[in-house]
Amino acid sequence: GFRYYMVAECEFNSSKLNDIEFTESYYYNKLEFIRFSSSVGKFVGYTEVGIKNAERLNNGPEVITRRAQKERVCFHNVGVFTESALTKS
């Protein structure tokens, strides 16, 4: 069979918004073909299909939605994750 999946992650060194990076990567059969990174601010394609999709997504509302994810998802949850990890260590 074939496998398609997406991985979204928040990487952070502190709870400051500037120290947080949001990435969303899309894979097909273990090969990453497109990624959004908040530090780049747009989608980047790594395969022929990924490049075509990145161009389309960067010209649509999807890129604006992803840019907001850093604050909406990551920043909102960093305090929760940090506090939870510190209280259990």
N, C-alpha and C. Protein backbone atom coordinates (compact mmCIF):
# COMPACT_ATOMS: atom_id res chain seq x y z
N GLY A 1 0.81 -1.18 0.00
CA GLY A 1 0.00 0.00 0.00
C GLY A 1 0.86 1.25 0.00
N PHE A 2 0.20 2.37 -0.10
CA PHE A 2 0.87 3.65 -0.10
C PHE A 2 0.55 4.39 1.19
N ARG A 3 1.44 5.28 1.56
CA ARG A 3 1.29 5.97 2.82
C ARG A 3 1.45 7.47 2.63
N TYR A 4 0.46 8.24 3.07
CA TYR A 4 0.49 9.70 3.04
C TYR A 4 0.23 10.18 4.46
N TYR A 5 1.08 11.07 4.96
CA TYR A 5 0.86 11.59 6.30
C TYR A 5 1.49 12.96 6.47
N MET A 6 1.06 13.65 7.53
CA MET A 6 1.53 14.99 7.84
C MET A 6 2.02 15.02 9.28
N VAL A 7 3.10 15.76 9.50
CA VAL A 7 3.63 15.93 10.84
C VAL A 7 3.72 17.43 11.12
N ALA A 8 3.11 17.86 12.20
CA ALA A 8 3.19 19.26 12.62
C ALA A 8 3.94 19.30 13.95
N GLU A 9 4.86 20.24 14.07
CA GLU A 9 5.63 20.33 15.31
C GLU A 9 5.90 21.77 15.71
N CYS A 10 6.05 21.94 17.00
CA CYS A 10 6.43 23.22 17.58
C CYS A 10 7.76 23.00 18.29
N GLU A 11 8.79 23.70 17.86
CA GLU A 11 10.10 23.62 18.52
C GLU A 11 10.33 24.94 19.24
N PHE A 12 10.79 24.86 20.49
CA PHE A 12 10.97 26.08 21.25
C PHE A 12 12.09 25.95 22.26
N ASN A 13 12.75 27.09 22.52
CA ASN A 13 13.80 27.18 23.55
C ASN A 13 13.32 27.96 24.75
N SER A 14 12.26 28.73 24.56
CA SER A 14 11.67 29.49 25.65
C SER A 14 10.20 29.74 25.29
N SER A 15 9.51 30.43 26.15
CA SER A 15 8.10 30.71 25.88
C SER A 15 7.91 32.00 25.09
N LYS A 16 9.00 32.63 24.66
CA LYS A 16 8.91 33.84 23.84
C LYS A 16 8.55 33.46 22.41
N LEU A 17 7.69 34.25 21.80
CA LEU A 17 7.21 33.95 20.45
C LEU A 17 8.36 33.86 19.44
N ASN A 18 9.40 34.68 19.61
CA ASN A 18 10.54 34.65 18.68
C ASN A 18 11.36 33.38 18.78
N ASP A 19 11.26 32.67 19.88
CA ASP A 19 12.03 31.43 20.10
C ASP A 19 11.25 30.18 19.71
N ILE A 20 10.13 30.35 19.04
CA ILE A 20 9.28 29.23 18.66
C ILE A 20 9.27 29.09 17.14
N GLU A 21 9.36 27.85 16.67
CA GLU A 21 9.22 27.58 15.24
C GLU A 21 8.14 26.53 15.03
N PHE A 22 7.24 26.82 14.11
CA PHE A 22 6.19 25.89 13.73
C PHE A 22 6.54 25.31 12.36
N THR A 23 6.52 23.99 12.25
CA THR A 23 6.73 23.35 10.95
C THR A 23 5.61 22.35 10.71
N GLU A 24 5.25 22.22 9.44
CA GLU A 24 4.25 21.26 9.02
C GLU A 24 4.80 20.58 7.77
N SER A 25 5.08 19.29 7.87
CA SER A 25 5.69 18.55 6.77
C SER A 25 4.74 17.48 6.26
N TYR A 26 4.72 17.31 4.94
CA TYR A 26 3.87 16.32 4.29
C TYR A 26 4.74 15.27 3.63
N TYR A 27 4.37 14.00 3.85
CA TYR A 27 5.16 12.88 3.36
C TYR A 27 4.31 11.94 2.51
N TYR A 28 4.96 11.33 1.55
CA TYR A 28 4.35 10.27 0.76
C TYR A 28 5.37 9.15 0.68
N ASN A 29 5.02 7.98 1.23
CA ASN A 29 5.93 6.83 1.29
C ASN A 29 7.29 7.20 1.88
N LYS A 30 7.27 7.87 3.03
CA LYS A 30 8.44 8.26 3.81
C LYS A 30 9.29 9.35 3.17
N LEU A 31 8.85 9.92 2.05
CA LEU A 31 9.59 10.98 1.38
C LEU A 31 8.87 12.31 1.61
N GLU A 32 9.55 13.23 2.25
CA GLU A 32 8.95 14.55 2.47
C GLU A 32 8.91 15.28 1.13
N PHE A 33 7.70 15.74 0.76
CA PHE A 33 7.59 16.41 -0.52
C PHE A 33 7.25 17.88 -0.40
N ILE A 34 6.77 18.32 0.77
CA ILE A 34 6.49 19.75 0.96
C ILE A 34 6.52 20.06 2.45
N ARG A 35 6.94 21.30 2.77
CA ARG A 35 7.01 21.72 4.18
C ARG A 35 6.68 23.20 4.29
N PHE A 36 5.95 23.52 5.37
CA PHE A 36 5.79 24.91 5.77
C PHE A 36 6.63 25.11 7.01
N SER A 37 7.40 26.18 7.04
CA SER A 37 8.20 26.53 8.21
C SER A 37 7.92 27.99 8.56
N SER A 38 7.63 28.25 9.82
CA SER A 38 7.33 29.63 10.23
C SER A 38 8.56 30.52 10.10
N SER A 39 9.76 29.97 10.17
CA SER A 39 10.96 30.80 10.02
C SER A 39 11.15 31.23 8.56
N VAL A 40 10.69 30.43 7.62
CA VAL A 40 10.75 30.78 6.20
C VAL A 40 9.51 31.58 5.82
N GLY A 41 8.37 31.23 6.41
CA GLY A 41 7.12 31.96 6.19
C GLY A 41 6.35 31.53 4.96
N LYS A 42 6.74 30.40 4.38
CA LYS A 42 6.03 29.91 3.20
C LYS A 42 6.26 28.41 3.04
N PHE A 43 5.53 27.82 2.09
CA PHE A 43 5.71 26.40 1.77
C PHE A 43 6.91 26.26 0.84
N VAL A 44 7.67 25.18 1.05
CA VAL A 44 8.80 24.85 0.19
C VAL A 44 8.61 23.42 -0.29
N GLY A 45 8.74 23.21 -1.60
CA GLY A 45 8.60 21.88 -2.17
C GLY A 45 9.95 21.22 -2.36
N TYR A 46 9.99 19.90 -2.18
CA TYR A 46 11.24 19.14 -2.29
C TYR A 46 11.22 18.14 -3.44
N THR A 47 10.07 17.97 -4.06
CA THR A 47 9.94 17.09 -5.22
C THR A 47 9.19 17.87 -6.30
N GLU A 48 9.07 17.30 -7.47
CA GLU A 48 8.35 17.98 -8.54
C GLU A 48 6.91 18.30 -8.13
N VAL A 49 6.24 17.32 -7.55
CA VAL A 49 4.87 17.53 -7.07
C VAL A 49 4.85 18.54 -5.93
N GLY A 50 5.81 18.46 -5.03
CA GLY A 50 5.88 19.38 -3.90
C GLY A 50 6.10 20.82 -4.34
N ILE A 51 6.95 21.02 -5.34
CA ILE A 51 7.22 22.38 -5.84
C ILE A 51 5.96 22.98 -6.45
N LYS A 52 5.24 22.19 -7.22
CA LYS A 52 3.99 22.67 -7.83
C LYS A 52 2.96 23.03 -6.75
N ASN A 53 2.84 22.17 -5.75
CA ASN A 53 1.88 22.42 -4.67
C ASN A 53 2.30 23.62 -3.82
N ALA A 54 3.59 23.77 -3.58
CA ALA A 54 4.08 24.91 -2.79
C ALA A 54 3.73 26.22 -3.49
N GLU A 55 3.90 26.27 -4.79
CA GLU A 55 3.56 27.48 -5.54
C GLU A 55 2.07 27.80 -5.40
N ARG A 56 1.25 26.78 -5.55
CA ARG A 56 -0.20 26.97 -5.42
C ARG A 56 -0.58 27.41 -4.01
N LEU A 57 -0.03 26.75 -3.00
CA LEU A 57 -0.38 27.06 -1.61
C LEU A 57 0.13 28.44 -1.19
N ASN A 58 1.29 28.84 -1.68
CA ASN A 58 1.84 30.15 -1.33
C ASN A 58 1.06 31.30 -1.96
N ASN A 59 0.26 31.00 -2.97
CA ASN A 59 -0.57 32.03 -3.61
C ASN A 59 -2.02 31.97 -3.15
N GLY A 60 -2.31 31.14 -2.16
CA GLY A 60 -3.68 31.00 -1.67
C GLY A 60 -3.77 31.34 -0.19
N PRO A 61 -4.94 31.15 0.38
CA PRO A 61 -5.15 31.48 1.79
C PRO A 61 -4.44 30.52 2.75
N GLU A 62 -4.00 29.37 2.25
CA GLU A 62 -3.36 28.37 3.12
C GLU A 62 -2.10 28.91 3.79
N VAL A 63 -1.31 29.71 3.07
CA VAL A 63 -0.07 30.22 3.65
C VAL A 63 -0.36 31.18 4.81
N ILE A 64 -1.41 31.96 4.70
CA ILE A 64 -1.78 32.89 5.78
C ILE A 64 -2.24 32.11 7.01
N THR A 65 -3.00 31.05 6.78
CA THR A 65 -3.45 30.19 7.88
C THR A 65 -2.27 29.57 8.60
N ARG A 66 -1.28 29.06 7.85
CA ARG A 66 -0.12 28.42 8.46
C ARG A 66 0.73 29.41 9.24
N ARG A 67 0.85 30.63 8.74
CA ARG A 67 1.63 31.65 9.46
C ARG A 67 1.02 31.92 10.83
N ALA A 68 -0.29 31.84 10.94
CA ALA A 68 -0.98 32.09 12.21
C ALA A 68 -0.84 30.92 13.18
N GLN A 69 -0.50 29.74 12.69
CA GLN A 69 -0.40 28.55 13.54
C GLN A 69 0.66 28.69 14.63
N LYS A 70 1.74 29.39 14.33
CA LYS A 70 2.81 29.57 15.32
C LYS A 70 2.25 30.18 16.60
N GLU A 71 1.46 31.22 16.45
CA GLU A 71 0.89 31.87 17.63
C GLU A 71 -0.31 31.11 18.17
N ARG A 72 -1.19 30.66 17.28
CA ARG A 72 -2.43 30.02 17.71
C ARG A 72 -2.19 28.67 18.37
N VAL A 73 -1.31 27.85 17.82
CA VAL A 73 -1.09 26.50 18.35
C VAL A 73 0.13 26.45 19.27
N CYS A 74 1.27 26.87 18.74
CA CYS A 74 2.51 26.71 19.50
C CYS A 74 2.58 27.62 20.73
N PHE A 75 2.45 28.92 20.50
CA PHE A 75 2.58 29.88 21.60
C PHE A 75 1.56 29.60 22.69
N HIS A 76 0.37 29.25 22.28
CA HIS A 76 -0.71 28.95 23.23
C HIS A 76 -0.36 27.75 24.11
N ASN A 77 0.33 26.75 23.55
CA ASN A 77 0.59 25.52 24.28
C ASN A 77 1.98 25.41 24.92
N VAL A 78 2.91 26.27 24.57
CA VAL A 78 4.26 26.18 25.12
C VAL A 78 4.24 26.24 26.64
N GLY A 79 3.48 27.16 27.21
CA GLY A 79 3.40 27.27 28.66
C GLY A 79 2.85 26.02 29.30
N VAL A 80 1.86 25.43 28.68
CA VAL A 80 1.26 24.20 29.19
C VAL A 80 2.27 23.06 29.17
N PHE A 81 2.97 22.89 28.05
CA PHE A 81 3.96 21.82 27.93
C PHE A 81 5.12 22.02 28.90
N THR A 82 5.62 23.25 28.98
CA THR A 82 6.76 23.54 29.85
C THR A 82 6.41 23.30 31.31
N GLU A 83 5.27 23.81 31.74
CA GLU A 83 4.85 23.65 33.14
C GLU A 83 4.65 22.17 33.47
N SER A 84 4.05 21.44 32.57
CA SER A 84 3.82 20.02 32.78
C SER A 84 5.13 19.25 32.89
N ALA A 85 6.09 19.57 32.03
CA ALA A 85 7.37 18.87 32.07
C ALA A 85 8.16 19.23 33.33
N LEU A 86 8.12 20.49 33.74
CA LEU A 86 8.88 20.91 34.92
C LEU A 86 8.30 20.35 36.21
N THR A 87 7.01 20.22 36.30
CA THR A 87 6.41 19.70 37.53
C THR A 87 6.61 18.20 37.68
N LYS A 88 6.92 17.50 36.59
CA LYS A 88 7.12 16.06 36.65
C LYS A 88 8.59 15.66 36.73
N SER A 89 9.50 16.63 36.61
CA SER A 89 10.93 16.27 36.63
C SER A 89 11.51 16.34 38.01
